[in-house]
C-alpha atoms as a PDB file:
ATOM      1  CA  MET A   1      12.082   5.943 -73.473  1.00  0.00           C
ATOM      2  CA  SER A   2       9.016   4.403 -75.135  1.00  0.00           C
ATOM      3  CA  ALA A   3       9.985   0.986 -73.796  1.00  0.00           C
ATOM      4  CA  ASP A   4       9.831   2.276 -70.192  1.00  0.00           C
ATOM      5  CA  ALA A   5       6.453   3.990 -70.602  1.00  0.00           C
ATOM      6  CA  PRO A   6       4.304   0.885 -69.856  1.00  0.00           C
ATOM      7  CA  HIS A   7       6.216   0.339 -66.598  1.00  0.00           C
ATOM      8  CA  ILE A   8       5.755   3.976 -65.618  1.00  0.00           C
ATOM      9  CA  ARG A   9       2.030   3.833 -66.318  1.00  0.00           C
ATOM     10  CA  ALA A  10       1.705   0.575 -64.330  1.00  0.00           C
ATOM     11  CA  GLY A  11       3.501   2.142 -61.339  1.00  0.00           C
ATOM     12  CA  ALA A  12       1.216   5.181 -61.476  1.00  0.00           C
ATOM     13  CA  ARG A  13      -1.866   2.942 -61.471  1.00  0.00           C
ATOM     14  CA  LYS A  14      -0.581   1.096 -58.389  1.00  0.00           C
ATOM     15  CA  LEU A  15      -0.008   4.395 -56.562  1.00  0.00           C
ATOM     16  CA  ARG A  16      -3.542   5.566 -57.364  1.00  0.00           C
ATOM     17  CA  GLN A  17      -5.013   2.258 -56.165  1.00  0.00           C
ATOM     18  CA  ALA A  18      -3.050   2.422 -52.878  1.00  0.00           C
ATOM     19  CA  SER A  19      -4.215   6.016 -52.345  1.00  0.00           C
ATOM     20  CA  ALA A  20      -7.823   5.012 -52.952  1.00  0.00           C
ATOM     21  CA  VAL A  21      -7.560   2.131 -50.483  1.00  0.00           C
ATOM     22  CA  THR A  22      -6.073   4.448 -47.869  1.00  0.00           C
ATOM     23  CA  GLN A  23      -8.911   6.949 -48.259  1.00  0.00           C
ATOM     24  CA  ALA A  24     -11.502   4.174 -48.140  1.00  0.00           C
ATOM     25  CA  VAL A  25     -10.291   2.932 -44.743  1.00  0.00           C
ATOM     26  CA  PRO A  26     -12.743   4.323 -42.139  1.00  0.00           C
ATOM     27  CA  GLU A  27     -11.416   6.499 -39.348  1.00  0.00           C
ATOM     28  CA  GLU A  28     -10.730   4.600 -36.112  1.00  0.00           C
ATOM     29  CA  ARG A  29     -13.312   5.360 -33.484  1.00  0.00           C
ATOM     30  CA  PRO A  30     -13.489   4.403 -29.870  1.00  0.00           C
ATOM     31  CA  GLY A  31     -14.888   0.957 -29.388  1.00  0.00           C
ATOM     32  CA  PRO A  32     -17.709   0.058 -27.086  1.00  0.00           C
ATOM     33  CA  GLY A  33     -15.248  -0.920 -24.341  1.00  0.00           C
ATOM     34  CA  ARG A  34     -13.837   2.599 -23.987  1.00  0.00           C
ATOM     35  CA  GLY A  35     -17.247   4.174 -23.834  1.00  0.00           C
ATOM     36  CA  THR A  36     -18.334   1.657 -21.203  1.00  0.00           C
ATOM     37  CA  ALA A  37     -15.318   2.455 -19.003  1.00  0.00           C
ATOM     38  CA  ARG A  38     -15.984   6.181 -19.251  1.00  0.00           C
ATOM     39  CA  ASN A  39     -19.647   5.659 -18.404  1.00  0.00           C
ATOM     40  CA  ASP A  40     -18.692   3.495 -15.425  1.00  0.00           C
ATOM     41  CA  ALA A  41     -16.369   6.218 -14.101  1.00  0.00           C
ATOM     42  CA  ASP A  42     -19.071   8.855 -14.509  1.00  0.00           C
ATOM     43  CA  SER A  43     -21.631   6.691 -12.762  1.00  0.00           C
ATOM     44  CA  THR A  44     -19.190   6.003  -9.908  1.00  0.00           C
ATOM     45  CA  GLN A  45     -18.603   9.728  -9.406  1.00  0.00           C
ATOM     46  CA  ALA A  46     -22.340  10.390  -9.501  1.00  0.00           C
ATOM     47  CA  LYS A  47     -22.952   7.685  -6.913  1.00  0.00           C
ATOM     48  CA  GLY A  48     -20.201   9.143  -4.700  1.00  0.00           C
ATOM     49  CA  ARG A  49     -21.754  12.606  -4.853  1.00  0.00           C
ATOM     50  CA  ALA A  50     -25.182  11.176  -4.132  1.00  0.00           C
ATOM     51  CA  SER A  51     -23.915   9.222  -1.129  1.00  0.00           C
ATOM     52  CA  LEU A  52     -22.162  12.350   0.196  1.00  0.00           C
ATOM     53  CA  TRP A  53     -25.370  14.352  -0.058  1.00  0.00           C
ATOM     54  CA  GLN A  54     -27.297  11.555   1.609  1.00  0.00           C
ATOM     55  CA  ALA A  55     -24.825  11.367   4.492  1.00  0.00           C
ATOM     56  CA  THR A  56     -24.941  15.153   4.930  1.00  0.00           C
ATOM     57  CA  ALA A  57     -28.735  15.146   4.865  1.00  0.00           C
ATOM     58  CA  LEU A  58     -28.851  12.366   7.461  1.00  0.00           C
ATOM     59  CA  ARG A  59     -26.474  14.225   9.779  1.00  0.00           C
ATOM     60  CA  VAL A  60     -28.379  17.479   9.485  1.00  0.00           C
ATOM     61  CA  GLY A  61     -31.697  15.689   9.935  1.00  0.00           C
ATOM     62  CA  ALA A  62     -30.446  13.855  13.026  1.00  0.00           C
ATOM     63  CA  GLY A  63     -29.215  17.143  14.522  1.00  0.00           C
ATOM     64  CA  ILE A  64     -32.545  18.865  13.871  1.00  0.00           C
ATOM     65  CA  LEU A  65     -34.405  15.917  15.384  1.00  0.00           C
ATOM     66  CA  LEU A  66     -32.283  15.987  18.551  1.00  0.00           C
ATOM     67  CA  LEU A  67     -32.768  19.741  18.926  1.00  0.00           C
ATOM     68  CA  ALA A  68     -36.517  19.333  18.454  1.00  0.00           C
ATOM     69  CA  ILE A  69     -36.633  16.615  21.125  1.00  0.00           C
ATOM     70  CA  TRP A  70     -34.620  18.835  23.459  1.00  0.00           C
ATOM     71  CA  GLN A  71     -36.902  21.823  22.830  1.00  0.00           C
ATOM     72  CA  VAL A  72     -40.156  19.916  23.287  1.00  0.00           C
ATOM     73  CA  GLY A  73     -38.913  17.929  26.280  1.00  0.00           C
ATOM     74  CA  ALA A  74     -37.623  21.019  28.083  1.00  0.00           C
ATOM     75  CA  LYS A  75     -40.890  22.880  27.511  1.00  0.00           C
ATOM     76  CA  LEU A  76     -43.065  20.000  28.682  1.00  0.00           C
ATOM     77  CA  PHE A  77     -41.109  18.450  31.545  1.00  0.00           C
ATOM     78  CA  ALA A  78     -38.432  20.927  32.747  1.00  0.00           C
ATOM     79  CA  PRO A  79     -38.513  24.204  34.697  1.00  0.00           C
ATOM     80  CA  SER A  80     -38.661  27.431  32.752  1.00  0.00           C
ATOM     81  CA  TYR A  81     -35.021  28.350  33.394  1.00  0.00           C
ATOM     82  CA  ILE A  82     -33.656  25.208  31.682  1.00  0.00           C
ATOM     83  CA  ALA A  83     -31.745  26.031  28.488  1.00  0.00           C
ATOM     84  CA  THR A  84     -33.486  25.311  25.180  1.00  0.00           C
ATOM     85  CA  PRO A  85     -32.268  25.648  21.578  1.00  0.00           C
ATOM     86  CA  VAL A  86     -34.666  28.521  20.884  1.00  0.00           C
ATOM     87  CA  GLY A  87     -33.671  30.273  24.118  1.00  0.00           C
ATOM     88  CA  ALA A  88     -29.954  29.849  23.344  1.00  0.00           C
ATOM     89  CA  ILE A  89     -30.421  31.348  19.877  1.00  0.00           C
ATOM     90  CA  GLY A  90     -32.260  34.274  21.412  1.00  0.00           C
ATOM     91  CA  ALA A  91     -29.474  34.802  23.932  1.00  0.00           C
ATOM     92  CA  ILE A  92     -26.726  35.075  21.281  1.00  0.00           C
ATOM     93  CA  PRO A  93     -26.979  38.873  20.751  1.00  0.00           C
ATOM     94  CA  GLY A  94     -26.786  39.565  24.477  1.00  0.00           C
ATOM     95  CA  VAL A  95     -23.833  37.205  24.959  1.00  0.00           C
ATOM     96  CA  LEU A  96     -21.924  38.635  22.008  1.00  0.00           C
ATOM     97  CA  GLY A  97     -22.451  42.126  23.402  1.00  0.00           C
ATOM     98  CA  ASP A  98     -21.097  41.175  26.821  1.00  0.00           C
ATOM     99  CA  SER A  99     -17.468  42.232  27.295  1.00  0.00           C
ATOM    100  CA  SER A 100     -16.932  39.618  30.007  1.00  0.00           C
ATOM    101  CA  PHE A 101     -17.790  36.885  27.499  1.00  0.00           C
ATOM    102  CA  TRP A 102     -15.028  37.987  25.124  1.00  0.00           C
ATOM    103  CA  SER A 103     -12.568  38.288  27.979  1.00  0.00           C
ATOM    104  CA  SER A 104     -13.430  34.777  29.148  1.00  0.00           C
ATOM    105  CA  THR A 105     -13.225  33.394  25.614  1.00  0.00           C
ATOM    106  CA  GLY A 106      -9.794  34.888  24.998  1.00  0.00           C
ATOM    107  CA  ALA A 107      -8.419  33.579  28.291  1.00  0.00           C
ATOM    108  CA  THR A 108      -9.645  30.027  27.732  1.00  0.00           C
ATOM    109  CA  LEU A 109      -8.673  29.712  24.068  1.00  0.00           C
ATOM    110  CA  LEU A 110      -5.233  31.197  24.683  1.00  0.00           C
ATOM    111  CA  ALA A 111      -4.610  28.735  27.509  1.00  0.00           C
ATOM    112  CA  ILE A 112      -5.661  25.823  25.290  1.00  0.00           C
ATOM    113  CA  VAL A 113      -3.378  26.897  22.433  1.00  0.00           C
ATOM    114  CA  GLU A 114      -0.408  27.446  24.752  1.00  0.00           C
ATOM    115  CA  GLY A 115      -0.979  24.156  26.541  1.00  0.00           C
ATOM    116  CA  LEU A 116      -1.303  22.230  23.279  1.00  0.00           C
ATOM    117  CA  ALA A 117       1.922  23.736  21.926  1.00  0.00           C
ATOM    118  CA  ILE A 118       3.830  22.777  25.071  1.00  0.00           C
ATOM    119  CA  ALA A 119       2.264  19.310  25.124  1.00  0.00           C
ATOM    120  CA  VAL A 120       3.083  18.587  21.471  1.00  0.00           C
ATOM    121  CA  VAL A 121       6.769  19.475  21.886  1.00  0.00           C
ATOM    122  CA  ALA A 122       7.256  17.798  25.247  1.00  0.00           C
ATOM    123  CA  GLY A 123       5.119  14.784  24.407  1.00  0.00           C
ATOM    124  CA  THR A 124       6.927  14.143  21.123  1.00  0.00           C
ATOM    125  CA  VAL A 125      10.366  14.292  22.728  1.00  0.00           C
ATOM    126  CA  ILE A 126       9.399  12.109  25.693  1.00  0.00           C
ATOM    127  CA  GLY A 127       7.511   9.673  23.467  1.00  0.00           C
ATOM    128  CA  LEU A 128      10.468   9.228  21.109  1.00  0.00           C
ATOM    129  CA  ALA A 129      12.794   8.671  24.043  1.00  0.00           C
ATOM    130  CA  MET A 130      10.474   6.119  25.646  1.00  0.00           C
ATOM    131  CA  GLY A 131       9.981   4.290  22.373  1.00  0.00           C
ATOM    132  CA  ARG A 132      13.684   4.006  21.520  1.00  0.00           C
ATOM    133  CA  LEU A 133      15.169   3.595  25.012  1.00  0.00           C
ATOM    134  CA  PRO A 134      13.825   0.453  26.712  1.00  0.00           C
ATOM    135  CA  ASP A 135      15.287   1.385  30.104  1.00  0.00           C
ATOM    136  CA  LEU A 136      13.535   4.757  30.082  1.00  0.00           C
ATOM    137  CA  ASN A 137      10.309   3.089  29.019  1.00  0.00           C
ATOM    138  CA  ARG A 138      10.518   0.689  31.952  1.00  0.00           C
ATOM    139  CA  ILE A 139      10.981   3.644  34.308  1.00  0.00           C
ATOM    140  CA  LEU A 140       8.313   6.008  32.951  1.00  0.00           C
ATOM    141  CA  GLY A 141       5.864   3.647  31.266  1.00  0.00           C
ATOM    142  CA  MET A 142       4.051   2.733  34.456  1.00  0.00           C
ATOM    143  CA  TYR A 143       3.538   6.366  35.455  1.00  0.00           C
ATOM    144  CA  VAL A 144       2.346   7.442  32.012  1.00  0.00           C
ATOM    145  CA  GLY A 145      -0.145   4.592  31.956  1.00  0.00           C
ATOM    146  CA  ALA A 146      -1.366   5.400  35.452  1.00  0.00           C
ATOM    147  CA  PHE A 147      -1.896   9.105  34.759  1.00  0.00           C
ATOM    148  CA  TYR A 148      -3.542   8.284  31.432  1.00  0.00           C
ATOM    149  CA  ALA A 149      -6.041   5.977  33.141  1.00  0.00           C
ATOM    150  CA  ILE A 150      -7.098   8.045  36.154  1.00  0.00           C
ATOM    151  CA  PRO A 151      -9.548  10.967  35.896  1.00  0.00           C
ATOM    152  CA  LEU A 152      -7.275  13.975  36.163  1.00  0.00           C
ATOM    153  CA  ILE A 153     -10.049  16.092  37.653  1.00  0.00           C
ATOM    154  CA  ALA A 154      -9.113  14.382  40.914  1.00  0.00           C
ATOM    155  CA  ILE A 155      -5.715  16.108  40.963  1.00  0.00           C
ATOM    156  CA  VAL A 156      -7.028  19.636  40.312  1.00  0.00           C
ATOM    157  CA  PRO A 157      -7.019  20.428  44.072  1.00  0.00           C
ATOM    158  CA  LEU A 158      -3.389  19.310  44.214  1.00  0.00           C
ATOM    159  CA  ILE A 159      -2.513  21.554  41.268  1.00  0.00           C
ATOM    160  CA  THR A 160      -4.155  24.503  42.997  1.00  0.00           C
ATOM    161  CA  VAL A 161      -1.929  23.872  46.005  1.00  0.00           C
ATOM    162  CA  TRP A 162       1.151  24.020  43.767  1.00  0.00           C
ATOM    163  CA  PHE A 163       0.134  26.916  41.505  1.00  0.00           C
ATOM    164  CA  GLY A 164      -2.628  28.613  43.486  1.00  0.00           C
ATOM    165  CA  TYR A 165      -5.890  29.850  42.016  1.00  0.00           C
ATOM    166  CA  THR A 166      -4.128  31.408  39.056  1.00  0.00           C
ATOM    167  CA  PRO A 167      -4.050  30.993  35.265  1.00  0.00           C
ATOM    168  CA  GLN A 168      -0.878  28.951  35.724  1.00  0.00           C
ATOM    169  CA  ALA A 169      -2.976  26.232  37.369  1.00  0.00           C
ATOM    170  CA  ARG A 170      -5.209  26.116  34.285  1.00  0.00           C
ATOM    171  CA  LEU A 171      -2.201  25.956  31.974  1.00  0.00           C
ATOM    172  CA  ALA A 172      -0.679  23.134  34.003  1.00  0.00           C
ATOM    173  CA  MET A 173      -3.945  21.228  33.828  1.00  0.00           C
ATOM    174  CA  VAL A 174      -4.159  21.673  30.052  1.00  0.00           C
ATOM    175  CA  VAL A 175      -0.566  20.510  29.543  1.00  0.00           C
ATOM    176  CA  LEU A 176      -1.023  17.495  31.799  1.00  0.00           C
ATOM    177  CA  GLU A 177      -4.238  16.476  30.062  1.00  0.00           C
ATOM    178  CA  ALA A 178      -2.852  16.918  26.543  1.00  0.00           C
ATOM    179  CA  VAL A 179       0.660  15.545  26.914  1.00  0.00           C
ATOM    180  CA  LEU A 180      -0.301  12.008  27.971  1.00  0.00           C
ATOM    181  CA  PRO A 181      -1.992  10.804  24.744  1.00  0.00           C
ATOM    182  CA  ILE A 182       0.832  12.336  22.703  1.00  0.00           C
ATOM    183  CA  ILE A 183       3.487  10.523  24.737  1.00  0.00           C
ATOM    184  CA  TYR A 184       1.606   7.254  24.505  1.00  0.00           C
ATOM    185  CA  ASN A 185       1.028   7.443  20.752  1.00  0.00           C
ATOM    186  CA  VAL A 186       4.504   8.690  19.809  1.00  0.00           C
ATOM    187  CA  ALA A 187       6.168   6.002  21.924  1.00  0.00           C
ATOM    188  CA  GLU A 188       4.087   3.349  20.204  1.00  0.00           C
ATOM    189  CA  GLY A 189       4.846   4.767  16.766  1.00  0.00           C
ATOM    190  CA  SER A 190       8.591   4.936  17.376  1.00  0.00           C
ATOM    191  CA  ARG A 191       8.574   1.237  18.230  1.00  0.00           C
ATOM    192  CA  GLN A 192       6.978   0.355  14.879  1.00  0.00           C
ATOM    193  CA  VAL A 193       9.988   1.380  12.771  1.00  0.00           C
ATOM    194  CA  SER A 194      10.918  -1.299  10.275  1.00  0.00           C
ATOM    195  CA  SER A 195      14.082  -3.184  11.206  1.00  0.00           C
ATOM    196  CA  VAL A 196      15.252  -2.838   7.597  1.00  0.00           C
ATOM    197  CA  TYR A 197      15.568   0.938   7.974  1.00  0.00           C
ATOM    198  CA  LEU A 198      17.382   0.602  11.279  1.00  0.00           C
ATOM    199  CA  ASP A 199      19.795  -1.945   9.792  1.00  0.00           C
ATOM    200  CA  VAL A 200      20.656   0.509   7.009  1.00  0.00           C
ATOM    201  CA  THR A 201      21.446   3.222   9.569  1.00  0.00           C
ATOM    202  CA  ARG A 202      23.716   0.811  11.455  1.00  0.00           C
ATOM    203  CA  ILE A 203      25.542  -0.152   8.268  1.00  0.00           C
ATOM    204  CA  HIS A 204      26.251   3.498   7.507  1.00  0.00           C
ATOM    205  CA  HIS A 205      27.092   4.281  11.163  1.00  0.00           C
ATOM    206  CA  ALA A 206      24.504   7.065  11.354  1.00  0.00           C
ATOM    207  CA  PRO A 207      24.525   9.000  14.659  1.00  0.00           C
ATOM    208  CA  TRP A 208      21.552   8.548  16.955  1.00  0.00           C
ATOM    209  CA  TRP A 209      20.186  12.009  16.321  1.00  0.00           C
ATOM    210  CA  ARG A 210      20.140  11.364  12.560  1.00  0.00           C
ATOM    211  CA  VAL A 211      18.332   8.066  13.165  1.00  0.00           C
ATOM    212  CA  TRP A 212      15.730   9.649  15.424  1.00  0.00           C
ATOM    213  CA  GLY A 213      15.173  12.696  13.232  1.00  0.00           C
ATOM    214  CA  GLY A 214      15.431  11.060   9.813  1.00  0.00           C
ATOM    215  CA  VAL A 215      13.928   7.608  10.380  1.00  0.00           C
ATOM    216  CA  VAL A 216      12.087   7.263  13.675  1.00  0.00           C
ATOM    217  CA  PHE A 217      10.210  10.567  13.740  1.00  0.00           C
ATOM    218  CA  PRO A 218       8.890  10.366  10.125  1.00  0.00           C
ATOM    219  CA  ASN A 219       7.682   6.857  10.848  1.00  0.00           C
ATOM    220  CA  ALA A 220       5.922   8.070  14.011  1.00  0.00           C
ATOM    221  CA  THR A 221       4.317  11.107  12.356  1.00  0.00           C
ATOM    222  CA  PRO A 222       0.880   9.457  11.919  1.00  0.00           C
ATOM    223  CA  TYR A 223       0.971   8.521  15.590  1.00  0.00           C
ATOM    224  CA  VAL A 224       1.830  12.119  16.503  1.00  0.00           C
ATOM    225  CA  LEU A 225      -1.211  13.325  14.553  1.00  0.00           C
ATOM    226  CA  ALA A 226      -3.429  10.769  16.261  1.00  0.00           C
ATOM    227  CA  GLY A 227      -2.091  11.913  19.627  1.00  0.00           C
ATOM    228  CA  VAL A 228      -2.794  15.565  18.809  1.00  0.00           C
ATOM    229  CA  ASP A 229      -6.331  14.645  17.803  1.00  0.00           C
ATOM    230  CA  LEU A 230      -6.900  13.020  21.187  1.00  0.00           C
ATOM    231  CA  ALA A 231      -5.040  15.753  23.048  1.00  0.00           C
ATOM    232  CA  LEU A 232      -7.289  18.500  21.693  1.00  0.00           C
ATOM    233  CA  GLY A 233     -10.395  17.174  23.410  1.00  0.00           C
ATOM    234  CA  ARG A 234      -8.545  16.495  26.648  1.00  0.00           C
ATOM    235  CA  ALA A 235      -7.024  19.991  26.606  1.00  0.00           C
ATOM    236  CA  VAL A 236     -10.473  21.580  26.333  1.00  0.00           C
ATOM    237  CA  ILE A 237     -11.702  19.428  29.208  1.00  0.00           C
ATOM    238  CA  GLY A 238      -8.696  20.338  31.324  1.00  0.00           C
ATOM    239  CA  ALA A 239      -9.137  24.081  30.782  1.00  0.00           C
ATOM    240  CA  VAL A 240     -12.862  24.076  31.524  1.00  0.00           C
ATOM    241  CA  VAL A 241     -12.538  21.855  34.595  1.00  0.00           C
ATOM    242  CA  ALA A 242      -9.716  23.995  35.981  1.00  0.00           C
ATOM    243  CA  GLU A 243     -11.884  27.085  35.549  1.00  0.00           C
ATOM    244  CA  TYR A 244     -14.790  25.356  37.271  1.00  0.00           C
ATOM    245  CA  VAL A 245     -12.690  24.557  40.326  1.00  0.00           C
ATOM    246  CA  THR A 246     -10.436  27.605  40.564  1.00  0.00           C
ATOM    247  CA  ALA A 247     -13.081  30.176  39.527  1.00  0.00           C
ATOM    248  CA  ILE A 248     -10.581  32.065  37.376  1.00  0.00           C
ATOM    249  CA  ASN A 249     -11.587  34.072  34.320  1.00  0.00           C
ATOM    250  CA  GLY A 250     -12.546  31.787  31.439  1.00  0.00           C
ATOM    251  CA  LEU A 251     -15.417  30.128  29.612  1.00  0.00           C
ATOM    252  CA  GLY A 252     -15.663  27.431  32.251  1.00  0.00           C
ATOM    253  CA  TYR A 253     -16.307  29.985  34.978  1.00  0.00           C
ATOM    254  CA  TYR A 254     -18.596  31.947  32.631  1.00  0.00           C
ATOM    255  CA  ILE A 255     -20.703  28.822  32.099  1.00  0.00           C
ATOM    256  CA  ILE A 256     -20.940  27.823  35.741  1.00  0.00           C
ATOM    257  CA  PHE A 257     -21.670  31.408  36.840  1.00  0.00           C
ATOM    258  CA  ASN A 258     -24.581  31.729  34.402  1.00  0.00           C
ATOM    259  CA  VAL A 259     -25.942  28.287  35.195  1.00  0.00           C
ATOM    260  CA  ARG A 260     -25.920  28.974  38.934  1.00  0.00           C
ATOM    261  CA  SER A 261     -27.645  32.315  38.367  1.00  0.00           C
ATOM    262  CA  PHE A 262     -30.354  30.594  36.280  1.00  0.00           C
ATOM    263  CA  HIS A 263     -29.150  32.030  32.942  1.00  0.00           C
ATOM    264  CA  GLU A 264     -28.612  28.660  31.322  1.00  0.00           C
ATOM    265  CA  ASP A 265     -29.203  29.910  27.782  1.00  0.00           C
ATOM    266  CA  GLN A 266     -26.136  32.152  28.076  1.00  0.00           C
ATOM    267  CA  GLY A 267     -24.142  29.210  29.402  1.00  0.00           C
ATOM    268  CA  ALA A 268     -25.266  27.111  26.448  1.00  0.00           C
ATOM    269  CA  VAL A 269     -23.970  29.760  24.044  1.00  0.00           C
ATOM    270  CA  ALA A 270     -20.551  29.648  25.713  1.00  0.00           C
ATOM    271  CA  LEU A 271     -20.585  25.852  25.459  1.00  0.00           C
ATOM    272  CA  VAL A 272     -21.291  26.079  21.728  1.00  0.00           C
ATOM    273  CA  VAL A 273     -18.322  28.435  21.349  1.00  0.00           C
ATOM    274  CA  ILE A 274     -16.048  25.843  22.957  1.00  0.00           C
ATOM    275  CA  VAL A 275     -17.325  23.146  20.588  1.00  0.00           C
ATOM    276  CA  LEU A 276     -16.856  25.373  17.543  1.00  0.00           C
ATOM    277  CA  PHE A 277     -13.309  26.199  18.614  1.00  0.00           C
ATOM    278  CA  ALA A 278     -12.438  22.507  18.952  1.00  0.00           C
ATOM    279  CA  LEU A 279     -13.902  21.765  15.512  1.00  0.00           C
ATOM    280  CA  ALA A 280     -12.014  24.688  13.988  1.00  0.00           C
ATOM    281  CA  VAL A 281      -8.702  23.489  15.432  1.00  0.00           C
ATOM    282  CA  ARG A 282      -9.312  19.986  14.103  1.00  0.00           C
ATOM    283  CA  ALA A 283     -10.121  21.399  10.675  1.00  0.00           C
ATOM    284  CA  LEU A 284      -6.913  23.453  10.783  1.00  0.00           C
ATOM    285  CA  VAL A 285      -4.888  20.365  11.698  1.00  0.00           C
ATOM    286  CA  ASN A 286      -6.453  18.403   8.826  1.00  0.00           C
ATOM    287  CA  LEU A 287      -5.758  21.258   6.405  1.00  0.00           C
ATOM    288  CA  THR A 288      -2.141  21.394   7.514  1.00  0.00           C
ATOM    289  CA  ILE A 289      -1.831  17.641   7.031  1.00  0.00           C
ATOM    290  CA  ALA A 290      -3.275  17.874   3.523  1.00  0.00           C
ATOM    291  CA  ARG A 291      -0.834  20.656   2.569  1.00  0.00           C
ATOM    292  CA  VAL A 292       2.331  19.429   4.273  1.00  0.00           C
ATOM    293  CA  MET A 293       1.846  15.653   4.079  1.00  0.00           C
ATOM    294  CA  PRO A 294      -0.422  14.843   1.122  1.00  0.00           C
ATOM    295  CA  TRP A 295       0.668  11.214   1.276  1.00  0.00           C
ATOM    296  CA  TYR A 296      -0.912  10.747   4.711  1.00  0.00           C
ATOM    297  CA  ARG A 297      -4.505   9.561   4.884  1.00  0.00           C
ATOM    298  CA  PRO A 298      -6.344   8.811   8.149  1.00  0.00           C
ATOM    299  CA  ALA A 299      -7.637   5.286   8.567  1.00  0.00           C
ATOM    300  CA  LYS A 300     -11.248   6.351   8.039  1.00  0.00           C
ATOM    301  CA  GLU A 301     -10.330   7.736   4.600  1.00  0.00           C
ATOM    302  CA  ALA A 302      -8.115   4.843   3.527  1.00  0.00           C
END
């Protein structure tokens, strides 16, 4: 027992020395490299926020400048009945209190929504068929290109002959204006499917409807969204132009009636409503894209 005591004491001393060395080791702290990376990320975010504020300030400033030029120019060089920003703002309460304005707004916006819905469904189906069936593309491609190129306002009189001076003529004009860019874009997108995916479907003997719905359409989805973006503006133009020509109830007729009766400020208010509606629909489309397809990013955001 006494012979083993020196060894026990020596082992205890070694344990105490190891414990002291462990306690003496300083705690590991982030090096200068980690702090630099964090600072770089913070500075990048700060620069992004600053650039966003600068861009917003420039847009708002440019808008205010244009309105000021319009106001001053109209007061100095135009007749008194010409619409001005200040006059349009003053006319808002009267326009909002006019029942005919709300009736016209409802008729126009409903026609645009209905026409867009019909155009999206029909344009997607026709575009997929034209993109995947070369024979059909050779038959219809020339006509789609021709109608897409000509100003469709020229065929409004022909549409009135077919549908009369009725809301159906406006709806037909909206559908015709909106469906063409959707067909064109979807057809182009369905042609861009990778041959690798199509080879896999052939190997597994997938039916055509599974190929179109599971491979072609998802690949063409960005093109569908681009077509809808273009179709929205054309649909608004088609509705307003049809109301100009046919004189049916709508914002187009409300605008032209007030302009011809020298109430241009009221017409300007109706025009602003049309612009706000188009912007709201685009925002709704972008929100839907962000929720349903978070992987999709427009080219301007890529």
